[in-house]
Protein backbone atom coordinates (compact mmCIF):
# COMPACT_ATOMS: atom_id res chain seq x y z
CA UNK A 1 0.00 0.00 0.00
CA UNK A 2 2.97 2.31 0.40
CA UNK A 3 6.65 2.68 1.15
CA UNK A 4 9.13 5.35 2.23
CA UNK A 5 12.87 5.93 2.23
CA UNK A 6 14.62 6.23 5.58
CA UNK A 7 16.64 9.40 6.22
CA UNK A 8 19.94 7.52 6.48
CA UNK A 9 19.57 6.56 2.78
CA UNK A 10 19.33 10.16 1.62
CA UNK A 11 23.05 10.72 1.03
CA UNK A 12 23.38 7.72 -1.27
CA UNK A 13 19.89 7.83 -2.85
CA UNK A 14 18.77 11.46 -2.93
CA UNK A 15 16.70 11.01 -6.09
CA UNK A 16 14.38 8.43 -4.51
CA UNK A 17 13.90 10.18 -1.20
CA UNK A 18 10.27 10.55 -0.26
CA UNK A 19 7.00 8.65 0.39
CA UNK A 20 4.84 6.63 -2.03
CA UNK A 21 1.17 5.74 -1.28
CA UNK A 22 -1.23 3.68 -3.39
CA UNK A 23 -4.22 5.76 -4.46
CA UNK A 24 -6.68 3.32 -2.84
CA UNK A 25 -5.04 3.94 0.57
CA UNK A 26 -4.40 7.68 0.33
CA UNK A 27 -6.59 10.22 2.11
CA UNK A 28 -10.27 9.84 2.99
CA UNK A 29 -12.13 10.49 -0.26
CA UNK A 30 -11.96 9.49 -3.89
CA UNK A 31 -10.72 5.99 -4.64
CA UNK A 32 -9.79 4.94 -1.09
CA UNK A 33 -10.96 1.50 0.05
CA UNK A 34 -11.73 0.46 3.64
CA UNK A 35 -10.22 -0.43 6.05
CA UNK A 36 -7.42 1.86 4.83
CA UNK A 37 -9.62 4.85 4.14
CA UNK A 38 -8.66 7.27 6.97
CA UNK A 39 -5.22 8.38 5.78
CA UNK A 40 -3.25 6.27 8.28
CA UNK A 41 -1.15 4.64 5.57
CA UNK A 42 0.45 8.02 4.83
CA UNK A 43 0.90 8.63 8.57
CA UNK A 44 2.66 5.26 8.85
CA UNK A 45 4.94 5.78 5.84
CA UNK A 46 5.86 9.34 6.81
CA UNK A 47 6.89 7.82 10.16
CA UNK A 48 9.44 5.71 8.25
CA UNK A 49 10.60 8.81 6.35
CA UNK A 50 11.13 10.41 9.77
CA UNK A 51 13.29 7.49 10.95
CA UNK A 52 10.71 5.30 12.78
CA UNK A 53 10.84 1.51 12.47
CA UNK A 54 7.89 -0.85 12.83
CA UNK A 55 6.86 -1.13 16.45
CA UNK A 56 7.82 -4.81 16.46
CA UNK A 57 11.35 -3.97 15.33
CA UNK A 58 10.69 -6.20 12.26
CA UNK A 59 11.59 -9.27 14.34
CA UNK A 60 10.00 -11.44 17.00
CA UNK A 61 10.23 -9.20 20.10
CA UNK A 62 12.59 -6.94 18.13
CA UNK A 63 13.87 -3.43 18.89
CA UNK A 64 12.35 -0.29 17.36
CA UNK A 65 14.93 1.91 19.18
CA UNK A 66 12.24 3.82 21.10
CA UNK A 67 12.24 3.50 24.89
CA UNK A 68 8.54 4.07 25.60
CA UNK A 69 7.09 1.50 23.16
CA UNK A 70 6.62 -2.06 24.48
CA UNK A 71 8.28 -5.13 22.91
CA UNK A 72 5.97 -6.89 20.48
CA UNK A 73 6.00 -10.31 18.83
CA UNK A 74 4.73 -9.50 15.33
CA UNK A 75 2.88 -6.76 13.52
CA UNK A 76 -0.86 -6.76 14.23
CA UNK A 77 -3.48 -6.85 11.48
CA UNK A 78 -7.10 -5.77 11.72
CA UNK A 79 -8.34 -4.43 15.09
CA UNK A 80 -7.05 -6.24 18.14
CA UNK A 81 -8.84 -6.44 21.48
CA UNK A 82 -7.07 -4.85 24.44
CA UNK A 83 -4.90 -6.24 25.90
CA UNK A 84 -3.09 -8.31 23.30
CA UNK A 85 -0.18 -9.88 25.20
CA UNK A 86 3.13 -10.89 23.59
CA UNK A 87 6.83 -10.83 24.50
CA UNK A 88 6.01 -10.69 28.25
CA UNK A 89 4.56 -7.19 27.80
CA UNK A 90 1.67 -7.61 30.29
CA UNK A 91 -0.42 -6.01 31.63
CA UNK A 92 -0.99 -3.59 28.71
CA UNK A 93 0.34 -5.82 25.93
CA UNK A 94 0.99 -4.72 22.34
CA UNK A 95 0.57 -1.06 21.38
CA UNK A 96 -1.53 -2.11 18.36
CA UNK A 97 -3.06 1.38 18.16
CA UNK A 98 0.36 2.85 17.30
CA UNK A 99 0.77 4.29 13.81
CA UNK A 100 3.85 2.10 13.27
CA UNK A 101 1.85 -1.16 13.61
CA UNK A 102 -0.22 -2.71 10.76
CA UNK A 103 -3.65 -2.25 12.34
CA UNK A 104 -6.63 -0.97 10.35
CA UNK A 105 -6.88 2.81 10.02
CA UNK A 106 -9.79 3.03 12.48
CA UNK A 107 -7.66 1.36 15.19
CA UNK A 108 -4.61 3.65 14.90
CA UNK A 109 -4.39 6.82 16.95
CA UNK A 110 -0.99 7.33 18.62
CA UNK A 111 2.68 8.19 18.34
CA UNK A 112 4.55 8.06 21.67
CA UNK A 113 6.67 10.86 23.16
CA UNK A 114 9.76 8.79 22.45
CA UNK A 115 8.78 8.42 18.81
CA UNK A 116 8.22 12.17 18.59
CA UNK A 117 11.72 12.84 19.96
CA UNK A 118 13.27 10.34 17.52
CA UNK A 119 11.48 11.97 14.58
CA UNK A 120 12.41 15.52 15.57
CA UNK A 121 16.08 14.62 16.13
CA UNK A 122 16.70 14.12 12.41
CA UNK A 123 16.11 17.85 11.86
CA UNK A 124 18.62 18.89 14.55
CA UNK A 125 22.00 20.35 13.63
CA UNK A 126 24.02 17.50 12.09
CA UNK A 127 20.93 15.32 11.62
CA UNK A 128 20.24 13.60 8.29
CA UNK A 129 17.39 15.98 7.45
CA UNK A 130 18.77 19.20 8.99
CA UNK A 131 18.82 20.82 5.54
CA UNK A 132 15.03 20.70 5.41
CA UNK A 133 14.91 23.14 8.34
CA UNK A 134 17.71 25.27 6.89
CA UNK A 135 15.78 25.63 3.62
CA UNK A 136 12.55 26.86 5.22
CA UNK A 137 11.40 30.40 4.62
CA UNK A 138 12.79 32.42 7.51
CA UNK A 139 14.24 35.78 8.57
CA UNK A 140 17.96 35.58 9.32
CA UNK A 141 19.01 37.16 12.61
CA UNK A 142 21.72 39.82 12.14
CA UNK A 143 25.15 38.58 13.23
CA UNK A 144 26.06 41.79 15.08
CA UNK A 145 24.14 44.25 17.21
CA UNK A 146 23.70 47.53 15.35
CA UNK A 147 23.34 51.15 16.37
CA UNK A 148 20.65 52.80 14.26
CA UNK A 149 20.31 51.11 10.85
CA UNK A 150 20.44 47.55 9.61
CA UNK A 151 19.53 45.41 6.60
CA UNK A 152 17.72 42.14 7.34
CA UNK A 153 17.39 39.36 4.81
CA UNK A 154 15.13 36.36 4.45
CA UNK A 155 15.88 32.88 3.16
CA UNK A 156 13.25 32.50 0.45
CA UNK A 157 13.64 29.20 -1.46
CA UNK A 158 10.54 29.76 -3.62
CA UNK A 159 11.56 33.33 -4.57
CA UNK A 160 8.21 34.76 -3.48
CA UNK A 161 7.53 38.43 -2.94
CA UNK A 162 8.15 39.31 0.72
CA UNK A 163 6.02 41.74 2.74
CA UNK A 164 7.80 43.16 5.79
CA UNK A 165 5.94 44.48 8.87
CA UNK A 166 7.17 45.99 12.16
CA UNK A 167 5.02 44.30 14.81
CA UNK A 168 6.33 46.13 17.89
CA UNK A 169 9.16 48.39 18.99
CA UNK A 170 10.63 51.66 17.75
CA UNK A 171 11.78 50.89 14.22
CA UNK A 172 10.90 52.08 10.71
CA UNK A 173 11.13 50.27 7.38
CA UNK A 174 12.95 52.56 4.96
CA UNK A 175 13.23 50.27 1.92
CA UNK A 176 13.17 46.76 0.54
CA UNK A 177 9.45 45.93 0.55
CA UNK A 178 8.72 43.06 -1.80
CA UNK A 179 12.32 41.79 -1.76
CA UNK A 180 14.36 39.41 0.38
CA UNK A 181 16.26 42.30 2.01
CA UNK A 182 14.65 45.06 4.07
CA UNK A 183 16.25 48.23 5.44
CA UNK A 184 15.45 49.22 9.05
CA UNK A 185 16.08 52.52 10.83
CA UNK A 186 15.97 53.04 14.62
CA UNK A 187 16.48 56.14 16.71
CA UNK A 188 20.16 57.07 16.99
CA UNK A 189 21.54 56.56 20.49
CA UNK A 190 18.54 54.51 21.60
CA UNK A 191 18.54 50.84 22.53
CA UNK A 192 15.88 48.18 22.78
CA UNK A 193 14.14 45.45 20.79
CA UNK A 194 11.76 45.46 17.86
CA UNK A 195 9.80 42.56 16.38
CA UNK A 196 9.55 42.18 12.62
CA UNK A 197 7.40 39.87 10.47
CA UNK A 198 8.06 38.63 6.94
CA UNK A 199 5.22 37.18 4.85
CA UNK A 200 5.74 35.37 1.54
CA UNK A 201 2.61 33.69 0.16
CA UNK A 202 1.47 31.37 2.95
CA UNK A 203 4.86 31.47 4.69
CA UNK A 204 5.27 33.70 7.76
CA UNK A 205 8.21 34.23 10.11
CA UNK A 206 8.83 36.67 12.96
CA UNK A 207 11.95 37.48 14.99
CA UNK A 208 12.99 39.89 17.75
CA UNK A 209 15.96 42.10 16.92
CA UNK A 210 18.09 43.86 19.54
CA UNK A 211 19.54 47.23 18.63
CA UNK A 212 21.49 50.06 20.19
CA UNK A 213 24.37 50.16 22.63
CA UNK A 214 25.36 47.43 25.05
CA UNK A 215 25.46 47.98 28.78
CA UNK A 216 29.20 47.93 29.36
CA UNK A 217 29.94 45.98 32.52
CA UNK A 218 32.97 46.79 34.67
CA UNK A 219 35.00 44.53 36.93
CA UNK A 220 36.60 46.53 39.80
CA UNK A 221 39.20 45.10 42.21
CA UNK A 222 41.36 46.71 44.89
CA UNK A 223 44.34 45.85 47.03
CA UNK A 224 45.66 47.41 50.25
CA UNK A 225 49.37 47.69 51.09
CA UNK A 226 50.29 45.45 48.10
CA UNK A 227 48.05 42.67 49.43
CA UNK A 228 45.83 40.37 47.37
CA UNK A 229 43.24 41.80 44.99
CA UNK A 230 39.66 41.82 46.24
CA UNK A 231 36.70 42.01 43.87
CA UNK A 232 34.07 44.67 44.57
CA UNK A 233 30.56 43.24 44.31
CA UNK A 234 28.21 46.01 43.16
CA UNK A 235 25.18 43.70 43.02
CA UNK A 236 22.42 45.36 41.01
CA UNK A 237 23.66 48.91 41.77
CA UNK A 238 26.43 51.10 40.37
CA UNK A 239 27.91 52.13 43.72
CA UNK A 240 29.60 50.42 46.66
CA UNK A 241 31.04 51.56 49.99
CA UNK A 242 34.17 49.70 51.09
CA UNK A 243 34.89 49.78 54.82
CA UNK A 244 38.58 49.14 55.27
CA UNK A 245 41.61 50.37 57.24
CA UNK A 246 44.19 53.02 56.54
CA UNK A 247 46.95 52.25 54.06
CA UNK A 248 48.05 52.51 50.46
CA UNK A 249 45.47 51.43 47.87
CA UNK A 250 45.53 50.33 44.26
CA UNK A 251 42.22 49.99 42.37
CA UNK A 252 42.06 48.41 38.92
CA UNK A 253 39.23 48.02 36.40
CA UNK A 254 38.71 45.63 33.53
CA UNK A 255 35.90 44.46 31.26
CA UNK A 256 35.04 41.34 29.28
CA UNK A 257 33.14 43.43 26.75
CA UNK A 258 34.24 42.78 23.15
CA UNK A 259 35.42 45.71 21.11
CA UNK A 260 37.54 48.65 22.23
CA UNK A 261 37.47 49.51 25.97
CA UNK A 262 38.78 52.76 27.49
CA UNK A 263 38.82 53.47 31.25
CA UNK A 264 39.08 56.69 33.24
CA UNK A 265 39.03 57.68 36.92
CA UNK A 266 37.61 60.75 38.62
CA UNK A 267 37.96 61.71 42.29
CA UNK A 268 34.51 62.98 43.25
CA UNK A 269 35.09 64.00 46.85
CA UNK A 270 36.70 62.99 50.14
CA UNK A 271 37.85 64.39 53.46
CA UNK A 272 41.34 65.37 54.61
CA UNK A 273 42.39 61.75 55.09
CA UNK A 274 43.28 60.98 51.46
CA UNK A 275 46.56 61.74 49.68
CA UNK A 276 48.90 60.60 46.90
CA UNK A 277 46.03 60.27 44.42
CA UNK A 278 46.97 59.31 40.86
CA UNK A 279 45.25 57.54 37.98
CA UNK A 280 46.23 56.17 34.60
CA UNK A 281 43.62 54.50 32.37
CA UNK A 282 42.44 51.42 34.29
CA UNK A 283 44.50 51.93 37.48
CA UNK A 284 44.00 54.34 40.37
CA UNK A 285 46.30 54.77 43.43
CA UNK A 286 45.76 56.67 46.69
CA UNK A 287 46.53 56.67 50.41
CA UNK A 288 44.12 56.82 53.36
CA UNK A 289 45.66 57.88 56.67
CA UNK A 290 44.93 59.68 59.92
CA UNK A 291 41.96 59.76 62.31
CA UNK A 292 38.33 60.71 61.74
CA UNK A 293 37.52 58.00 59.19
CA UNK A 294 39.58 59.08 56.16
CA UNK A 295 37.36 58.83 53.08
CA UNK A 296 37.67 59.11 49.31
CA UNK A 297 34.88 58.89 46.68
CA UNK A 298 35.86 57.69 43.20
CA UNK A 299 34.13 57.26 39.85
CA UNK A 300 35.41 54.93 37.16
CA UNK A 301 34.06 55.15 33.62
CA UNK A 302 34.23 52.48 30.91
CA UNK A 303 33.72 53.60 27.32
CA UNK A 304 33.11 50.72 24.91
CA UNK A 305 33.07 50.88 21.11
CA UNK A 306 31.75 47.89 19.17
CA UNK A 307 30.39 47.67 15.62
CA UNK A 308 30.21 51.46 15.46
CA UNK A 309 28.17 51.67 18.71
CA UNK A 310 29.67 53.61 21.60
CA UNK A 311 28.41 53.17 25.17
CA UNK A 312 29.65 54.14 28.60
CA UNK A 313 29.03 52.98 32.13
CA UNK A 314 30.00 54.48 35.50
CA UNK A 315 30.74 52.81 38.82
CA UNK A 316 31.15 54.72 42.09
CA UNK A 317 33.31 53.43 44.95
CA UNK A 318 33.54 54.99 48.42
CA UNK A 319 36.52 53.92 50.54
CA UNK A 320 36.13 54.56 54.28
CA UNK A 321 39.00 53.70 56.64
CA UNK A 322 37.43 52.69 59.94
CA UNK A 323 39.01 52.69 63.38
CA UNK A 324 40.43 49.16 63.54
CA UNK A 325 39.98 46.75 66.41
CA UNK A 326 43.69 46.02 66.54
CA UNK A 327 43.65 48.19 69.66
CA UNK A 328 41.87 47.68 72.96
CA UNK A 329 38.21 48.24 73.76
CA UNK A 330 37.94 49.79 77.23
CA UNK A 331 34.70 49.42 79.19
CA UNK A 332 34.21 51.96 82.00
CA UNK A 333 33.19 52.19 84.72
CA UNK A 334 33.96 48.54 85.29
CA UNK A 335 32.41 47.38 87.59
CA UNK A 336 29.26 49.31 86.65
CA UNK A 337 25.81 49.75 88.14
CA UNK A 338 24.01 50.74 84.95
CA UNK A 339 25.41 52.62 81.99
CA UNK A 340 28.79 51.68 80.57
CA UNK A 341 31.06 53.58 78.20
CA UNK A 342 32.99 51.79 75.47
CA UNK A 343 36.16 53.47 74.19
CA UNK A 344 38.24 52.33 71.22
CA UNK A 345 41.95 52.94 71.91
CA UNK A 346 45.17 52.91 69.94
CA UNK A 347 47.01 49.58 69.51
CA UNK A 348 47.96 47.81 72.71
CA UNK A 349 51.40 48.28 74.31
CA UNK A 350 53.65 45.26 74.11
CA UNK A 351 52.95 44.07 77.65
CA UNK A 352 49.25 43.57 76.81
CA UNK A 353 49.45 40.90 74.14
CA UNK A 354 46.47 38.93 72.88
CA UNK A 355 47.73 35.80 74.63
CA UNK A 356 47.96 37.62 77.97
CA UNK A 357 44.42 38.87 77.59
CA UNK A 358 43.13 35.40 76.77
CA UNK A 359 44.83 33.94 79.82
CA UNK A 360 43.27 36.56 82.04
CA UNK A 361 39.82 37.07 80.55
CA UNK A 362 39.24 34.19 78.10
CA UNK A 363 38.58 36.72 75.33
CA UNK A 364 37.77 34.16 72.64
CA UNK A 365 34.71 35.25 70.60
CA UNK A 366 31.52 33.46 71.63
CA UNK A 367 29.77 33.82 68.28
CA UNK A 368 30.38 34.80 64.67
CA UNK A 369 28.39 37.72 63.27
CA UNK A 370 28.44 39.71 60.04
CA UNK A 371 29.42 43.22 61.10
CA UNK A 372 30.23 44.70 57.71
CA UNK A 373 29.72 48.46 57.94
CA UNK A 374 28.45 48.39 61.53
CA UNK A 375 29.42 47.83 65.18
CA UNK A 376 27.71 45.05 67.16
CA UNK A 377 28.09 44.74 70.95
CA UNK A 378 27.05 41.38 72.44
CA UNK A 379 26.80 40.68 76.18
CA UNK A 380 27.00 37.09 77.49
CA UNK A 381 26.67 35.62 80.98
CA UNK A 382 30.13 34.46 82.01
CA UNK A 383 29.14 31.06 83.44
CA UNK A 384 26.56 30.01 80.84
CA UNK A 385 27.72 31.94 77.71
CA UNK A 386 24.05 32.91 77.29
CA UNK A 387 23.48 35.99 75.12
CA UNK A 388 21.52 38.46 77.25
CA UNK A 389 21.91 41.79 75.46
CA UNK A 390 22.83 43.07 72.01
CA UNK A 391 23.45 46.57 70.68
CA UNK A 392 23.84 47.39 66.96
CA UNK A 393 25.35 50.68 65.82
CA UNK A 394 25.18 51.57 62.12
CA UNK A 395 28.66 53.07 61.95
CA UNK A 396 32.25 51.89 62.34
CA UNK A 397 34.05 55.12 63.10
CA UNK A 398 32.78 56.32 66.48
CA UNK A 399 35.49 56.20 69.11
CA UNK A 400 33.04 55.73 71.99
CA UNK A 401 29.53 54.55 72.82
CA UNK A 402 27.38 54.74 75.98
CA UNK A 403 25.32 51.59 76.54
CA UNK A 404 22.45 51.12 78.99
CA UNK A 405 22.74 47.82 80.90
CA UNK A 406 19.79 48.45 83.21
CA UNK A 407 17.72 45.37 84.00
CA UNK A 408 20.59 42.90 83.98
CA UNK A 409 21.27 41.03 87.21
CA UNK A 410 24.53 41.42 89.11
CA UNK A 411 27.42 39.25 88.00
CA UNK A 412 30.30 38.70 85.63
CA UNK A 413 29.73 39.10 81.86
CA UNK A 414 31.73 38.77 78.66
CA UNK A 415 31.36 41.64 76.21
CA UNK A 416 32.13 40.92 72.54
CA UNK A 417 32.55 43.87 70.18
CA UNK A 418 32.41 43.22 66.41
CA UNK A 419 33.25 46.07 64.04
CA UNK A 420 33.52 45.64 60.30
CA UNK A 421 34.17 41.89 60.79
CA UNK A 422 36.96 42.41 63.34
CA UNK A 423 36.40 41.30 66.94
CA UNK A 424 37.52 42.26 70.45
CA UNK A 425 36.41 40.64 73.72
CA UNK A 426 36.60 41.81 77.33
CA UNK A 427 35.01 41.13 80.77
CA UNK A 428 32.69 43.46 82.67
CA UNK A 429 31.12 43.28 86.12
CA UNK A 430 27.63 44.55 86.95
CA UNK A 431 27.09 45.44 90.61
């Protein structure tokens, strides 16, 4: 009643590629004869053309190379009664309603998901019928992003007249109607997406086209006192405050953007604590020193040129040198009956080493907290290490705080001070 050529025969037999159906088994009207009068013969043979084998694998309990079809003894004729068991395929038995069996047209109604995947795979890149997809009428996506004007072309195997239409977006057709190539104009300096449709006879294709400048992304890293580089995470913003310590700084920018990249630095502001500022293209150097939270505010600009499009992007970085916790935190009065004052001092003299403090006061931190950009004071009972009080200050530069300890019972406590992810611990007594 019909036959078809498998796709793997196409390279050696291109002139016989296709499907043949006897007129008495083709379609639903005319000369068709029951029980092959519902067009299923063509469905079956096209399945072969799309690389499907008979569901029985053309052998007793053979392999059709599809995972979700059951094994089957032979091809079924007529209309079987469910279930028709063979090849230990109980409880559901043969899939005699599958288009790749030999059942009557009225009893066929299914291709499986696995068969669908096998058929579609032949049109994938490198597949035996990939050229069929490549020869379809379609609009070809431009290879490069463009600034304000572009020419789009369509693959048009039948050489039909092409009607071009802007479906959405800010774009104007300036020429090429009726041909395979259309000219598009967008607003200079703008960026966005427009959708365009091409119609040729009954063939229609639409694509989205991006135009305008790219958003040039910048990678910014800094080092302090010739230490390791640290990446600055801006998140979804274009600014970042870095809380650090005094020292000599080197900040460097880079970008993975293709095209030509140019960098520049600008010092926006700062207090009296910055000095030795210099910049050259992607690198900026400066020093932060002295008391009162030395600060410098910088802007780096990346200018990118690609395919005639020029774009720029700014990042702002604020460096604030906090008072470090390398010195001692003094709690007074200690003992106290209520309020207590915390004072941040200069680095300890040699006779007060960290080991001496640990031996005397067990100043090991009792918990780990994220204190980036803030000061956190935690108070623990000495005997139980139970956290009984916490104070959070949204700065890292104050040299003193007054804390209210009213309501706490008398006894010995451990006070842990975390500032900008550095920690100091001391003991206090409440009377």
